[in-house]
């Protein structure tokens, strides 16, 4: 099993693939010094395995390491992810 995380800047999304199959996606929009995570999707046949959490964590880590933007969780799933990871809450307000 080959798990691959990518940041597809041309389509404004983060993607998780397993053996080249699309598993989970986080879409985003950049607005000045913020990045809004607008939609999280997991392939219906792969739900319940934690993949959405993995792709959100990858996206959050990428924003944290590669920019000074703050994150706006417009997707309910991303909001819940931050509720479960209060140690990452500083990303919600930095750069504002």
Protein backbone atom coordinates (compact mmCIF):
# COMPACT_ATOMS: atom_id res chain seq x y z
CA UNK A 1 0.00 0.00 0.00
CA UNK A 2 1.47 3.33 -1.10
CA UNK A 3 -0.01 6.35 0.70
CA UNK A 4 0.78 9.72 -0.93
CA UNK A 5 -0.04 13.21 0.33
CA UNK A 6 0.23 16.12 -2.12
CA UNK A 7 -0.50 19.82 -2.24
CA UNK A 8 -2.01 20.57 -5.64
CA UNK A 9 -1.57 24.33 -5.85
CA UNK A 10 -3.05 24.55 -9.35
CA UNK A 11 -6.41 23.27 -8.03
CA UNK A 12 -6.18 24.70 -4.48
CA UNK A 13 -6.44 21.40 -2.71
CA UNK A 14 -4.60 18.87 -0.61
CA UNK A 15 -4.97 15.26 -1.69
CA UNK A 16 -4.45 11.83 -0.17
CA UNK A 17 -4.07 8.91 -2.57
CA UNK A 18 -3.50 5.26 -1.83
CA UNK A 19 -2.05 3.27 -4.72
CA UNK A 20 -3.08 6.13 -7.04
CA UNK A 21 -6.73 5.98 -5.88
CA UNK A 22 -8.17 9.29 -4.69
CA UNK A 23 -9.02 8.81 -1.01
CA UNK A 24 -9.49 12.24 0.60
CA UNK A 25 -9.33 15.93 -0.33
CA UNK A 26 -9.25 19.29 1.46
CA UNK A 27 -10.17 22.26 -0.76
CA UNK A 28 -9.12 25.79 0.13
CA UNK A 29 -9.29 29.45 -0.89
CA UNK A 30 -6.56 31.99 -0.16
CA UNK A 31 -7.69 35.45 0.84
CA UNK A 32 -4.81 37.76 1.75
CA UNK A 33 -3.21 36.52 4.96
CA UNK A 34 -5.75 33.74 5.48
CA UNK A 35 -6.44 30.35 3.99
CA UNK A 36 -10.00 29.05 4.24
CA UNK A 37 -10.45 25.29 4.25
CA UNK A 38 -13.80 25.15 2.48
CA UNK A 39 -14.51 21.47 1.91
CA UNK A 40 -13.29 18.08 3.06
CA UNK A 41 -14.19 14.96 1.11
CA UNK A 42 -13.46 11.27 1.62
CA UNK A 43 -14.25 8.65 -0.99
CA UNK A 44 -17.44 6.99 0.33
CA UNK A 45 -15.88 3.51 0.11
CA UNK A 46 -13.02 4.67 2.35
CA UNK A 47 -14.93 6.53 5.08
CA UNK A 48 -14.51 5.65 8.73
CA UNK A 49 -10.79 4.90 8.48
CA UNK A 50 -9.42 8.25 9.65
CA UNK A 51 -8.31 9.47 6.24
CA UNK A 52 -10.07 12.84 6.51
CA UNK A 53 -8.16 13.53 9.72
CA UNK A 54 -4.90 12.57 8.04
CA UNK A 55 -5.39 14.91 5.08
CA UNK A 56 -6.48 17.79 7.33
CA UNK A 57 -3.41 17.26 9.51
CA UNK A 58 -1.20 17.26 6.40
CA UNK A 59 -2.81 20.49 5.17
CA UNK A 60 -2.52 22.20 8.56
CA UNK A 61 1.13 21.16 8.86
CA UNK A 62 1.85 22.48 5.37
CA UNK A 63 0.27 25.86 6.09
CA UNK A 64 2.14 26.03 9.39
CA UNK A 65 5.52 25.24 7.85
CA UNK A 66 5.26 27.15 4.57
CA UNK A 67 3.40 30.39 5.34
CA UNK A 68 2.34 32.91 7.96
CA UNK A 69 -1.34 32.63 7.02
CA UNK A 70 -4.04 31.92 9.56
CA UNK A 71 -6.53 29.16 8.91
CA UNK A 72 -10.26 29.75 8.62
CA UNK A 73 -12.13 26.45 9.09
CA UNK A 74 -15.17 26.99 6.87
CA UNK A 75 -15.77 23.24 6.61
CA UNK A 76 -17.42 21.66 9.66
CA UNK A 77 -14.94 18.79 9.63
CA UNK A 78 -11.93 21.11 9.83
CA UNK A 79 -13.63 23.00 12.66
CA UNK A 80 -14.10 19.75 14.57
CA UNK A 81 -10.48 18.79 13.85
CA UNK A 82 -9.32 22.01 15.52
CA UNK A 83 -11.66 21.32 18.46
CA UNK A 84 -9.89 17.97 18.91
CA UNK A 85 -6.43 19.56 18.51
CA UNK A 86 -6.46 22.67 20.72
CA UNK A 87 -2.66 22.74 20.64
CA UNK A 88 -2.95 23.94 17.01
CA UNK A 89 -5.40 26.77 17.78
CA UNK A 90 -2.71 29.44 17.35
CA UNK A 91 -2.96 28.82 13.59
CA UNK A 92 -6.51 30.14 13.67
CA UNK A 93 -5.40 33.64 14.69
CA UNK A 94 -1.81 34.16 13.58
CA UNK A 95 -1.03 36.84 11.05
CA UNK A 96 -4.35 38.63 11.60
